[in-house]
Amino acid sequence: MYLIKYKSIIILLLIFISFLLFCFNFSFLSDDAFISYRYAKNFAEGNGIVYNQNEKVEGYTNFLWVMISSTFIYSNVDPLAGCRAISILSSLLLILLTYLISIQIFKLSDMAFLGAGLLALNPGFVLWSYSGMETTFFTLFVTLGIFFTLKFLNVKENRYLIYSSIFFLIASLTRQEGVLLFPEFFVLDN
């Protein structure tokens, strides 16, 4: 039993290290990230959530990410470095969640390792993990919502629906399309 747990931990650590090495070799930066940082900078300086002072135009689609970025700016932390750190941490948690969801679905740890490993080495996933954008942060909360929805379907305990709702709410605050995921609860409740 303990040997299996240690084997799993070692394999997951190798997957995490591979992801991090792959991630730092790409060093991709999306220029769209700087739109959010501009809104965050103005908000942190007390000018409101605006791109330019005295212009009331909403040009961002990631409210929570702008708020997080403004917290970094207000604290004199480089928003790009802070947001990249959050994105990479979100990606590592996504790899772990992929493993856990795969175990729930397939009941085989070897298949779960395969899913986690394929995600960790997917070039698109790696690129967006280091882009400075909210992509993996949003995906983390959507995936947490799915994870707890699956837990509810397996165990039928309402607390898992509450957890799932909270994570989908956070996803909706991060990106507006997160709202589209809430109707699933009407289907699951009936």
N, C-alpha and C. Protein backbone atom coordinates (compact mmCIF):
# COMPACT_ATOMS: atom_id res chain seq x y z
N MET A 1 0.83 -1.20 0.00
CA MET A 1 0.00 0.00 0.00
C MET A 1 0.87 1.26 0.00
N TYR A 2 1.85 1.31 0.93
CA TYR A 2 2.72 2.48 1.00
C TYR A 2 3.60 2.60 -0.23
N LEU A 3 4.01 1.44 -0.78
CA LEU A 3 4.84 1.44 -1.98
C LEU A 3 4.09 2.07 -3.15
N ILE A 4 2.80 1.78 -3.25
CA ILE A 4 1.97 2.36 -4.31
C ILE A 4 1.85 3.87 -4.13
N LYS A 5 1.67 4.34 -2.89
CA LYS A 5 1.57 5.77 -2.63
C LYS A 5 2.87 6.48 -2.98
N TYR A 6 4.01 5.88 -2.57
CA TYR A 6 5.30 6.50 -2.89
C TYR A 6 5.56 6.52 -4.39
N LYS A 7 5.19 5.44 -5.06
CA LYS A 7 5.33 5.38 -6.52
C LYS A 7 4.51 6.49 -7.16
N SER A 8 3.29 6.68 -6.70
CA SER A 8 2.42 7.72 -7.25
C SER A 8 3.01 9.11 -7.02
N ILE A 9 3.51 9.34 -5.82
CA ILE A 9 4.09 10.65 -5.50
C ILE A 9 5.32 10.91 -6.36
N ILE A 10 6.16 9.91 -6.52
CA ILE A 10 7.37 10.08 -7.32
C ILE A 10 7.02 10.35 -8.79
N ILE A 11 6.07 9.59 -9.32
CA ILE A 11 5.68 9.81 -10.72
C ILE A 11 5.07 11.20 -10.90
N LEU A 12 4.21 11.62 -9.98
CA LEU A 12 3.62 12.96 -10.08
C LEU A 12 4.70 14.04 -9.97
N LEU A 13 5.66 13.86 -9.08
CA LEU A 13 6.76 14.82 -8.97
C LEU A 13 7.56 14.91 -10.27
N LEU A 14 7.81 13.78 -10.90
CA LEU A 14 8.51 13.78 -12.19
C LEU A 14 7.70 14.50 -13.26
N ILE A 15 6.39 14.30 -13.23
CA ILE A 15 5.51 15.00 -14.19
C ILE A 15 5.57 16.50 -13.92
N PHE A 16 5.50 16.91 -12.65
CA PHE A 16 5.58 18.34 -12.30
C PHE A 16 6.90 18.95 -12.75
N ILE A 17 8.00 18.25 -12.48
CA ILE A 17 9.32 18.77 -12.86
C ILE A 17 9.43 18.88 -14.38
N SER A 18 8.93 17.89 -15.09
CA SER A 18 8.94 17.95 -16.56
C SER A 18 8.16 19.15 -17.06
N PHE A 19 7.00 19.37 -16.46
CA PHE A 19 6.18 20.53 -16.84
C PHE A 19 6.95 21.83 -16.61
N LEU A 20 7.55 21.97 -15.44
CA LEU A 20 8.27 23.21 -15.11
C LEU A 20 9.45 23.44 -16.04
N LEU A 21 10.17 22.39 -16.35
CA LEU A 21 11.30 22.53 -17.28
C LEU A 21 10.81 22.94 -18.67
N PHE A 22 9.75 22.30 -19.11
CA PHE A 22 9.15 22.62 -20.40
C PHE A 22 8.64 24.06 -20.41
N CYS A 23 8.01 24.44 -19.31
CA CYS A 23 7.42 25.77 -19.18
C CYS A 23 8.48 26.87 -19.28
N PHE A 24 9.55 26.73 -18.54
CA PHE A 24 10.57 27.78 -18.52
C PHE A 24 11.40 27.83 -19.80
N ASN A 25 11.33 26.79 -20.61
CA ASN A 25 12.01 26.82 -21.91
C ASN A 25 11.23 27.60 -22.95
N PHE A 26 9.91 27.74 -22.76
CA PHE A 26 9.10 28.47 -23.74
C PHE A 26 9.17 29.98 -23.55
N SER A 27 8.99 30.44 -22.32
CA SER A 27 9.03 31.86 -22.00
C SER A 27 8.14 32.70 -22.90
N PHE A 28 6.89 32.28 -23.07
CA PHE A 28 5.91 32.97 -23.90
C PHE A 28 5.22 34.06 -23.08
N LEU A 29 4.99 35.20 -23.70
CA LEU A 29 4.29 36.30 -23.05
C LEU A 29 3.24 36.83 -24.01
N SER A 30 2.01 36.88 -23.57
CA SER A 30 0.92 37.40 -24.40
C SER A 30 0.79 38.90 -24.17
N ASP A 31 0.75 39.64 -25.26
CA ASP A 31 0.61 41.10 -25.12
C ASP A 31 -0.75 41.47 -24.56
N ASP A 32 -1.74 40.59 -24.69
CA ASP A 32 -3.06 40.86 -24.12
C ASP A 32 -3.02 40.99 -22.60
N ALA A 33 -2.04 40.36 -21.98
CA ALA A 33 -1.92 40.45 -20.52
C ALA A 33 -1.76 41.91 -20.08
N PHE A 34 -1.10 42.70 -20.91
CA PHE A 34 -0.82 44.09 -20.53
C PHE A 34 -2.07 44.97 -20.57
N ILE A 35 -3.11 44.53 -21.26
CA ILE A 35 -4.39 45.25 -21.20
C ILE A 35 -4.94 45.15 -19.78
N SER A 36 -4.94 43.95 -19.24
CA SER A 36 -5.42 43.75 -17.86
C SER A 36 -4.54 44.51 -16.87
N TYR A 37 -3.23 44.50 -17.09
CA TYR A 37 -2.32 45.20 -16.18
C TYR A 37 -2.55 46.71 -16.22
N ARG A 38 -2.93 47.23 -17.38
CA ARG A 38 -3.21 48.68 -17.48
C ARG A 38 -4.45 49.04 -16.65
N TYR A 39 -5.50 48.22 -16.77
CA TYR A 39 -6.69 48.43 -15.95
C TYR A 39 -6.33 48.29 -14.47
N ALA A 40 -5.52 47.28 -14.15
CA ALA A 40 -5.13 47.04 -12.76
C ALA A 40 -4.32 48.20 -12.20
N LYS A 41 -3.42 48.74 -13.02
CA LYS A 41 -2.59 49.87 -12.58
C LYS A 41 -3.46 51.08 -12.25
N ASN A 42 -4.39 51.40 -13.13
CA ASN A 42 -5.28 52.53 -12.87
C ASN A 42 -6.14 52.29 -11.63
N PHE A 43 -6.60 51.06 -11.45
CA PHE A 43 -7.40 50.76 -10.26
C PHE A 43 -6.56 50.88 -9.00
N ALA A 44 -5.33 50.36 -9.03
CA ALA A 44 -4.45 50.41 -7.86
C ALA A 44 -4.08 51.84 -7.50
N GLU A 45 -4.03 52.71 -8.50
CA GLU A 45 -3.69 54.13 -8.26
C GLU A 45 -4.91 54.97 -7.91
N GLY A 46 -6.08 54.33 -7.79
CA GLY A 46 -7.29 55.04 -7.37
C GLY A 46 -8.05 55.73 -8.49
N ASN A 47 -7.76 55.38 -9.73
CA ASN A 47 -8.44 56.01 -10.87
C ASN A 47 -9.65 55.23 -11.37
N GLY A 48 -9.97 54.14 -10.72
CA GLY A 48 -11.07 53.29 -11.16
C GLY A 48 -10.59 52.23 -12.13
N ILE A 49 -11.51 51.35 -12.50
CA ILE A 49 -11.16 50.28 -13.44
C ILE A 49 -11.34 50.83 -14.85
N VAL A 50 -10.36 51.59 -15.28
CA VAL A 50 -10.40 52.23 -16.60
C VAL A 50 -9.06 52.00 -17.30
N TYR A 51 -9.10 52.00 -18.63
CA TYR A 51 -7.86 51.88 -19.40
C TYR A 51 -7.14 53.21 -19.42
N ASN A 52 -7.89 54.26 -19.71
CA ASN A 52 -7.38 55.64 -19.65
C ASN A 52 -8.24 56.41 -18.66
N GLN A 53 -7.62 57.33 -17.93
CA GLN A 53 -8.38 58.14 -16.98
C GLN A 53 -9.44 58.93 -17.75
N ASN A 54 -10.59 59.10 -17.12
CA ASN A 54 -11.73 59.85 -17.64
C ASN A 54 -12.39 59.18 -18.84
N GLU A 55 -12.07 57.93 -19.13
CA GLU A 55 -12.77 57.15 -20.16
C GLU A 55 -13.43 55.96 -19.49
N LYS A 56 -14.71 55.84 -19.64
CA LYS A 56 -15.45 54.75 -18.99
C LYS A 56 -15.76 53.66 -20.03
N VAL A 57 -14.73 52.87 -20.38
CA VAL A 57 -14.88 51.79 -21.33
C VAL A 57 -14.40 50.50 -20.68
N GLU A 58 -15.24 49.48 -20.70
CA GLU A 58 -14.84 48.19 -20.15
C GLU A 58 -14.17 47.39 -21.26
N GLY A 59 -12.88 47.27 -21.19
CA GLY A 59 -12.12 46.57 -22.23
C GLY A 59 -11.44 45.33 -21.71
N TYR A 60 -11.88 44.81 -20.60
CA TYR A 60 -11.31 43.59 -20.03
C TYR A 60 -12.43 42.57 -19.87
N THR A 61 -12.08 41.31 -19.86
CA THR A 61 -13.08 40.26 -19.68
C THR A 61 -12.72 39.36 -18.50
N ASN A 62 -11.83 39.84 -17.66
CA ASN A 62 -11.28 39.01 -16.58
C ASN A 62 -11.23 39.79 -15.27
N PHE A 63 -12.38 40.11 -14.73
CA PHE A 63 -12.49 40.97 -13.55
C PHE A 63 -11.59 40.52 -12.40
N LEU A 64 -11.70 39.27 -12.00
CA LEU A 64 -10.93 38.80 -10.84
C LEU A 64 -9.43 38.88 -11.11
N TRP A 65 -9.01 38.60 -12.34
CA TRP A 65 -7.59 38.68 -12.70
C TRP A 65 -7.09 40.12 -12.61
N VAL A 66 -7.93 41.06 -13.02
CA VAL A 66 -7.58 42.48 -12.90
C VAL A 66 -7.44 42.86 -11.43
N MET A 67 -8.33 42.35 -10.59
CA MET A 67 -8.26 42.65 -9.16
C MET A 67 -6.99 42.04 -8.54
N ILE A 68 -6.66 40.83 -8.93
CA ILE A 68 -5.43 40.20 -8.43
C ILE A 68 -4.22 40.99 -8.89
N SER A 69 -4.21 41.37 -10.16
CA SER A 69 -3.09 42.15 -10.71
C SER A 69 -2.96 43.49 -9.99
N SER A 70 -4.09 44.12 -9.70
CA SER A 70 -4.03 45.41 -9.01
C SER A 70 -3.49 45.25 -7.59
N THR A 71 -3.75 44.12 -6.97
CA THR A 71 -3.19 43.84 -5.64
C THR A 71 -1.67 43.76 -5.72
N PHE A 72 -1.16 43.10 -6.75
CA PHE A 72 0.30 43.04 -6.94
C PHE A 72 0.87 44.45 -7.13
N ILE A 73 0.23 45.23 -8.00
CA ILE A 73 0.73 46.58 -8.28
C ILE A 73 0.70 47.44 -7.02
N TYR A 74 -0.41 47.37 -6.28
CA TYR A 74 -0.55 48.15 -5.06
C TYR A 74 0.52 47.76 -4.04
N SER A 75 0.93 46.48 -4.06
CA SER A 75 1.95 45.98 -3.13
C SER A 75 3.37 46.11 -3.67
N ASN A 76 3.52 46.83 -4.77
CA ASN A 76 4.83 47.02 -5.42
C ASN A 76 5.47 45.71 -5.87
N VAL A 77 4.65 44.78 -6.32
CA VAL A 77 5.13 43.52 -6.89
C VAL A 77 4.85 43.58 -8.39
N ASP A 78 5.82 43.17 -9.19
CA ASP A 78 5.64 43.14 -10.63
C ASP A 78 4.43 42.27 -10.98
N PRO A 79 3.39 42.83 -11.61
CA PRO A 79 2.20 42.03 -11.89
C PRO A 79 2.46 40.86 -12.83
N LEU A 80 3.39 41.03 -13.76
CA LEU A 80 3.71 39.93 -14.66
C LEU A 80 4.30 38.76 -13.89
N ALA A 81 5.25 39.03 -13.01
CA ALA A 81 5.86 37.96 -12.21
C ALA A 81 4.82 37.32 -11.30
N GLY A 82 4.00 38.12 -10.64
CA GLY A 82 2.98 37.59 -9.75
C GLY A 82 1.94 36.76 -10.48
N CYS A 83 1.50 37.26 -11.62
CA CYS A 83 0.48 36.54 -12.39
C CYS A 83 1.05 35.27 -13.01
N ARG A 84 2.30 35.33 -13.44
CA ARG A 84 2.93 34.11 -13.95
C ARG A 84 3.04 33.06 -12.85
N ALA A 85 3.38 33.48 -11.65
CA ALA A 85 3.48 32.54 -10.52
C ALA A 85 2.12 31.90 -10.24
N ILE A 86 1.05 32.70 -10.25
CA ILE A 86 -0.29 32.16 -10.02
C ILE A 86 -0.67 31.20 -11.15
N SER A 87 -0.33 31.57 -12.38
CA SER A 87 -0.65 30.70 -13.53
C SER A 87 0.08 29.38 -13.44
N ILE A 88 1.34 29.41 -13.09
CA ILE A 88 2.11 28.17 -12.99
C ILE A 88 1.59 27.30 -11.85
N LEU A 89 1.29 27.91 -10.71
CA LEU A 89 0.70 27.16 -9.60
C LEU A 89 -0.65 26.56 -10.01
N SER A 90 -1.45 27.35 -10.72
CA SER A 90 -2.75 26.85 -11.21
C SER A 90 -2.54 25.66 -12.14
N SER A 91 -1.53 25.74 -12.98
CA SER A 91 -1.24 24.64 -13.91
C SER A 91 -0.82 23.38 -13.18
N LEU A 92 0.02 23.53 -12.16
CA LEU A 92 0.42 22.37 -11.37
C LEU A 92 -0.79 21.72 -10.70
N LEU A 93 -1.68 22.55 -10.18
CA LEU A 93 -2.90 22.01 -9.56
C LEU A 93 -3.81 21.36 -10.61
N LEU A 94 -3.82 21.91 -11.82
CA LEU A 94 -4.60 21.31 -12.91
C LEU A 94 -4.06 19.93 -13.29
N ILE A 95 -2.75 19.79 -13.30
CA ILE A 95 -2.14 18.50 -13.59
C ILE A 95 -2.55 17.49 -12.51
N LEU A 96 -2.50 17.92 -11.24
CA LEU A 96 -2.93 17.05 -10.15
C LEU A 96 -4.41 16.70 -10.26
N LEU A 97 -5.24 17.68 -10.57
CA LEU A 97 -6.68 17.42 -10.73
C LEU A 97 -6.96 16.48 -11.90
N THR A 98 -6.20 16.61 -12.97
CA THR A 98 -6.36 15.70 -14.10
C THR A 98 -6.08 14.27 -13.64
N TYR A 99 -5.06 14.11 -12.84
CA TYR A 99 -4.75 12.80 -12.27
C TYR A 99 -5.91 12.29 -11.41
N LEU A 100 -6.42 13.13 -10.52
CA LEU A 100 -7.49 12.71 -9.60
C LEU A 100 -8.80 12.42 -10.34
N ILE A 101 -9.13 13.25 -11.33
CA ILE A 101 -10.36 13.01 -12.11
C ILE A 101 -10.21 11.73 -12.93
N SER A 102 -9.03 11.51 -13.48
CA SER A 102 -8.80 10.27 -14.24
C SER A 102 -8.97 9.04 -13.37
N ILE A 103 -8.52 9.12 -12.12
CA ILE A 103 -8.72 7.99 -11.20
C ILE A 103 -10.21 7.78 -10.95
N GLN A 104 -10.97 8.87 -10.78
CA GLN A 104 -12.42 8.74 -10.57
C GLN A 104 -13.09 8.08 -11.77
N ILE A 105 -12.64 8.43 -12.96
CA ILE A 105 -13.30 7.92 -14.16
C ILE A 105 -12.83 6.51 -14.51
N PHE A 106 -11.51 6.31 -14.56
CA PHE A 106 -10.96 5.05 -15.04
C PHE A 106 -10.66 4.04 -13.94
N LYS A 107 -10.56 4.49 -12.70
CA LYS A 107 -10.23 3.63 -11.55
C LYS A 107 -8.85 2.96 -11.70
N LEU A 108 -8.01 3.47 -12.59
CA LEU A 108 -6.67 2.92 -12.80
C LEU A 108 -5.66 4.04 -12.69
N SER A 109 -4.69 3.89 -11.81
CA SER A 109 -3.72 4.97 -11.63
C SER A 109 -2.81 5.13 -12.84
N ASP A 110 -2.53 4.03 -13.57
CA ASP A 110 -1.66 4.15 -14.75
C ASP A 110 -2.29 5.05 -15.81
N MET A 111 -3.58 4.93 -16.04
CA MET A 111 -4.27 5.80 -16.99
C MET A 111 -4.27 7.24 -16.48
N ALA A 112 -4.38 7.39 -15.18
CA ALA A 112 -4.37 8.74 -14.59
C ALA A 112 -3.02 9.41 -14.80
N PHE A 113 -1.94 8.65 -14.66
CA PHE A 113 -0.61 9.21 -14.92
C PHE A 113 -0.47 9.63 -16.37
N LEU A 114 -1.02 8.82 -17.26
CA LEU A 114 -0.95 9.14 -18.68
C LEU A 114 -1.65 10.47 -18.97
N GLY A 115 -2.85 10.64 -18.41
CA GLY A 115 -3.58 11.90 -18.62
C GLY A 115 -2.84 13.10 -18.06
N ALA A 116 -2.32 12.97 -16.86
CA ALA A 116 -1.58 14.06 -16.23
C ALA A 116 -0.31 14.37 -17.01
N GLY A 117 0.39 13.34 -17.45
CA GLY A 117 1.62 13.54 -18.22
C GLY A 117 1.38 14.18 -19.57
N LEU A 118 0.32 13.75 -20.25
CA LEU A 118 0.00 14.35 -21.55
C LEU A 118 -0.36 15.83 -21.40
N LEU A 119 -1.10 16.16 -20.35
CA LEU A 119 -1.43 17.56 -20.11
C LEU A 119 -0.16 18.36 -19.82
N ALA A 120 0.69 17.84 -18.96
CA ALA A 120 1.90 18.56 -18.55
C ALA A 120 2.84 18.85 -19.72
N LEU A 121 2.82 18.02 -20.73
CA LEU A 121 3.73 18.20 -21.86
C LEU A 121 3.04 18.73 -23.11
N ASN A 122 1.78 19.13 -22.97
CA ASN A 122 1.05 19.71 -24.09
C ASN A 122 1.57 21.13 -24.35
N PRO A 123 2.10 21.41 -25.54
CA PRO A 123 2.70 22.74 -25.79
C PRO A 123 1.72 23.90 -25.58
N GLY A 124 0.47 23.74 -25.96
CA GLY A 124 -0.50 24.81 -25.76
C GLY A 124 -0.74 25.10 -24.29
N PHE A 125 -0.88 24.04 -23.52
CA PHE A 125 -1.06 24.18 -22.08
C PHE A 125 0.14 24.87 -21.45
N VAL A 126 1.33 24.45 -21.85
CA VAL A 126 2.56 25.01 -21.30
C VAL A 126 2.67 26.48 -21.67
N LEU A 127 2.38 26.82 -22.93
CA LEU A 127 2.48 28.22 -23.37
C LEU A 127 1.58 29.13 -22.54
N TRP A 128 0.32 28.74 -22.38
CA TRP A 128 -0.62 29.60 -21.66
C TRP A 128 -0.35 29.62 -20.17
N SER A 129 0.36 28.62 -19.68
CA SER A 129 0.71 28.60 -18.26
C SER A 129 1.71 29.69 -17.90
N TYR A 130 2.46 30.15 -18.88
CA TYR A 130 3.51 31.13 -18.63
C TYR A 130 3.23 32.45 -19.34
N SER A 131 2.02 32.64 -19.80
CA SER A 131 1.70 33.79 -20.66
C SER A 131 1.40 35.07 -19.90
N GLY A 132 1.12 34.98 -18.60
CA GLY A 132 0.72 36.16 -17.84
C GLY A 132 -0.79 36.40 -17.89
N MET A 133 -1.49 35.53 -18.60
CA MET A 133 -2.94 35.64 -18.73
C MET A 133 -3.64 34.77 -17.68
N GLU A 134 -4.95 34.91 -17.63
CA GLU A 134 -5.76 34.21 -16.63
C GLU A 134 -6.20 32.83 -17.08
N THR A 135 -5.74 32.35 -18.20
CA THR A 135 -6.24 31.13 -18.82
C THR A 135 -6.20 29.92 -17.88
N THR A 136 -5.05 29.61 -17.31
CA THR A 136 -4.97 28.42 -16.46
C THR A 136 -5.64 28.65 -15.11
N PHE A 137 -5.67 29.88 -14.64
CA PHE A 137 -6.38 30.21 -13.40
C PHE A 137 -7.87 29.93 -13.57
N PHE A 138 -8.44 30.39 -14.68
CA PHE A 138 -9.84 30.14 -15.00
C PHE A 138 -10.10 28.64 -15.15
N THR A 139 -9.23 27.98 -15.90
CA THR A 139 -9.39 26.54 -16.14
C THR A 139 -9.31 25.75 -14.85
N LEU A 140 -8.48 26.20 -13.91
CA LEU A 140 -8.39 25.53 -12.61
C LEU A 140 -9.74 25.53 -11.91
N PHE A 141 -10.40 26.68 -11.87
CA PHE A 141 -11.68 26.74 -11.16
C PHE A 141 -12.79 26.02 -11.89
N VAL A 142 -12.77 26.01 -13.20
CA VAL A 142 -13.73 25.20 -13.96
C VAL A 142 -13.50 23.72 -13.66
N THR A 143 -12.24 23.32 -13.66
CA THR A 143 -11.91 21.91 -13.40
C THR A 143 -12.25 21.51 -11.97
N LEU A 144 -12.02 22.40 -11.01
CA LEU A 144 -12.44 22.12 -9.63
C LEU A 144 -13.96 21.96 -9.56
N GLY A 145 -14.68 22.81 -10.29
CA GLY A 145 -16.14 22.66 -10.35
C GLY A 145 -16.55 21.31 -10.91
N ILE A 146 -15.89 20.89 -11.97
CA ILE A 146 -16.17 19.58 -12.57
C ILE A 146 -15.81 18.45 -11.60
N PHE A 147 -14.65 18.58 -10.95
CA PHE A 147 -14.20 17.57 -10.00
C PHE A 147 -15.24 17.34 -8.90
N PHE A 148 -15.74 18.43 -8.32
CA PHE A 148 -16.71 18.27 -7.24
C PHE A 148 -18.09 17.88 -7.75
N THR A 149 -18.40 18.21 -8.99
CA THR A 149 -19.64 17.71 -9.59
C THR A 149 -19.56 16.19 -9.74
N LEU A 150 -18.43 15.69 -10.20
CA LEU A 150 -18.24 14.24 -10.31
C LEU A 150 -18.31 13.58 -8.93
N LYS A 151 -17.73 14.24 -7.92
CA LYS A 151 -17.82 13.70 -6.55
C LYS A 151 -19.28 13.60 -6.11
N PHE A 152 -20.06 14.64 -6.43
CA PHE A 152 -21.48 14.61 -6.08
C PHE A 152 -22.20 13.46 -6.78
N LEU A 153 -21.91 13.28 -8.06
CA LEU A 153 -22.57 12.20 -8.81
C LEU A 153 -22.21 10.82 -8.26
N ASN A 154 -21.01 10.69 -7.69
CA ASN A 154 -20.58 9.40 -7.13
C ASN A 154 -21.09 9.18 -5.71
N VAL A 155 -21.12 10.24 -4.90
CA VAL A 155 -21.40 10.09 -3.47
C VAL A 155 -22.80 10.60 -3.08
N LYS A 156 -23.36 11.50 -3.88
CA LYS A 156 -24.68 12.11 -3.62
C LYS A 156 -24.74 12.89 -2.32
N GLU A 157 -23.66 13.59 -1.99
CA GLU A 157 -23.65 14.48 -0.83
C GLU A 157 -23.73 15.92 -1.33
N ASN A 158 -24.69 16.67 -0.83
CA ASN A 158 -24.95 18.03 -1.32
C ASN A 158 -23.77 18.97 -1.13
N ARG A 159 -22.92 18.71 -0.15
CA ARG A 159 -21.78 19.59 0.07
C ARG A 159 -20.90 19.69 -1.18
N TYR A 160 -20.83 18.62 -1.98
CA TYR A 160 -20.02 18.66 -3.19
C TYR A 160 -20.62 19.58 -4.24
N LEU A 161 -21.95 19.68 -4.26
CA LEU A 161 -22.58 20.65 -5.16
C LEU A 161 -22.30 22.08 -4.71
N ILE A 162 -22.26 22.29 -3.41
CA ILE A 162 -21.94 23.62 -2.88
C ILE A 162 -20.51 23.98 -3.26
N TYR A 163 -19.57 23.06 -3.06
CA TYR A 163 -18.18 23.32 -3.46
C TYR A 163 -18.09 23.62 -4.95
N SER A 164 -18.78 22.81 -5.71
CA SER A 164 -18.77 22.98 -7.17
C SER A 164 -19.31 24.36 -7.55
N SER A 165 -20.39 24.76 -6.91
CA SER A 165 -20.99 26.08 -7.19
C SER A 165 -20.02 27.21 -6.87
N ILE A 166 -19.32 27.09 -5.76
CA ILE A 166 -18.35 28.12 -5.37
C ILE A 166 -17.25 28.22 -6.41
N PHE A 167 -16.74 27.08 -6.86
CA PHE A 167 -15.66 27.13 -7.85
C PHE A 167 -16.14 27.65 -9.20
N PHE A 168 -17.36 27.31 -9.61
CA PHE A 168 -17.89 27.87 -10.85
C PHE A 168 -18.15 29.37 -10.71
N LEU A 169 -18.52 29.81 -9.51
CA LEU A 169 -18.69 31.25 -9.27
C LEU A 169 -17.35 31.98 -9.41
N ILE A 170 -16.30 31.42 -8.82
CA ILE A 170 -14.98 32.04 -8.94
C ILE A 170 -14.54 32.05 -10.41
N ALA A 171 -14.83 30.98 -11.13
CA ALA A 171 -14.52 30.94 -12.57
C ALA A 171 -15.27 32.05 -13.29
N SER A 172 -16.52 32.29 -12.92
CA SER A 172 -17.32 33.34 -13.56
C SER A 172 -16.79 34.73 -13.25
N LEU A 173 -16.23 34.92 -12.07
CA LEU A 173 -15.61 36.20 -11.74
C LEU A 173 -14.29 36.39 -12.48
N THR A 174 -13.67 35.28 -12.83
CA THR A 174 -12.41 35.34 -13.55
C THR A 174 -12.63 35.63 -15.02
N ARG A 175 -13.56 34.93 -15.64
CA ARG A 175 -13.91 35.16 -17.04
C ARG A 175 -15.43 35.07 -17.15
N GLN A 176 -16.01 35.92 -17.97
CA GLN A 176 -17.46 36.01 -18.05
C GLN A 176 -18.13 34.73 -18.53
N GLU A 177 -17.46 33.97 -19.38
CA GLU A 177 -18.10 32.76 -19.90
C GLU A 177 -18.26 31.68 -18.84
N GLY A 178 -17.67 31.89 -17.67
CA GLY A 178 -17.88 30.96 -16.58
C GLY A 178 -19.35 30.85 -16.19
N VAL A 179 -20.12 31.90 -16.44
CA VAL A 179 -21.56 31.90 -16.14
C VAL A 179 -22.28 30.81 -16.92
N LEU A 180 -21.78 30.46 -18.07
CA LEU A 180 -22.43 29.45 -18.91
C LEU A 180 -22.40 28.06 -18.28
N LEU A 181 -21.58 27.86 -17.26
CA LEU A 181 -21.45 26.55 -16.65
C LEU A 181 -22.49 26.31 -15.55
N PHE A 182 -23.13 27.35 -15.05
CA PHE A 182 -24.08 27.20 -13.96
C PHE A 182 -25.34 26.40 -14.31
N PRO A 183 -25.87 26.45 -15.53
CA PRO A 183 -27.09 25.68 -15.81
C PRO A 183 -26.99 24.19 -15.55
N GLU A 184 -25.78 23.64 -15.50
CA GLU A 184 -25.64 22.21 -15.23
C GLU A 184 -26.28 21.84 -13.89
N PHE A 185 -26.36 22.75 -12.96
CA PHE A 185 -26.92 22.42 -11.65
C PHE A 185 -28.43 22.21 -11.70
N PHE A 186 -29.08 22.88 -12.64
CA PHE A 186 -30.51 22.64 -12.81
C PHE A 186 -30.75 21.23 -13.34
N VAL A 187 -29.86 20.77 -14.19
CA VAL A 187 -29.99 19.42 -14.76
C VAL A 187 -29.67 18.38 -13.67
N LEU A 188 -28.61 18.60 -12.89
CA LEU A 188 -28.21 17.64 -11.86
C LEU A 188 -29.23 17.55 -10.72
N ASP A 189 -29.93 18.65 -10.44
CA ASP A 189 -30.85 18.69 -9.31
C ASP A 189 -32.13 17.92 -9.61
N ASN A 190 -32.46 17.74 -10.86
CA ASN A 190 -33.73 17.08 -11.21
C ASN A 190 -33.62 15.61 -11.46
